[in-house]
Amino acid sequence: MKMKELEIKGAWLATSPVFKDDRGFFREWFKANTLRNPATDDFEVMQANLSVSQKGVIRGIHYSLVLEGQSKWITCVAGSIWDVIVDIRPTSPTYKKWICVDLNADSGDSILISAGLGHAFMALEDNSTVSYLLSSPYSPSDEYEISPLDPELGIRWPAKNPVLSTKDSAAKTLRQMQDSGKLPS
């Protein structure tokens, strides 16, 4: 597995070899010892989540303010997604910057995002399935969302008329979250 730092500090693309034959394919999609180096925080899995989305669904921008922080390891295990990482750390030199990575079930790629970054994705196919490994358990009182359609962020989603959950539709803008003191420090 190879790790490549992305344009936002704290975000990495992990690439693993995919071994294909007439039966299908095999890949190692997570290897803890790969993350035990000075470039990354140690990543201990505390919770694993799975989501299935139809084409055009946007999930996010989500983040956690749990005391111990929450890093995420994101892998598309079926279908394909347009994965978005947003720097929501007001003191960061890349604050408000967003980057996208195409992830699909056949690529061998995963994304690691450190605590303090926002995460979202759009499903590009029906039944796109995403696995998340989290470094801290879900804590409802510490979980927040930012509108994925925030005009100040200007994320150029690949499909028109996205489908959003009620929670994501009602999410505040990045500026509103900053004004309320609900961004990572």
Foldseek 3Di string as FASTA:
>chain_A
DDWDDDPFQQKIKDAWDWAQDPVGIDTDQDDQVVQPDPSHDRADFDDKDKDWAAAQAKDFQKAFDPPVFKKKKKAWQAAKKWKKKAQLDVPDPRHLAMDTDIHHNRGRMIMIGTGQITIMIGGRHHGTMMMMGMRHDDDVVGMAGAAPVQVVSPDDDPDPPGDYDPRNVPHHHSVVCVVVVNGHD
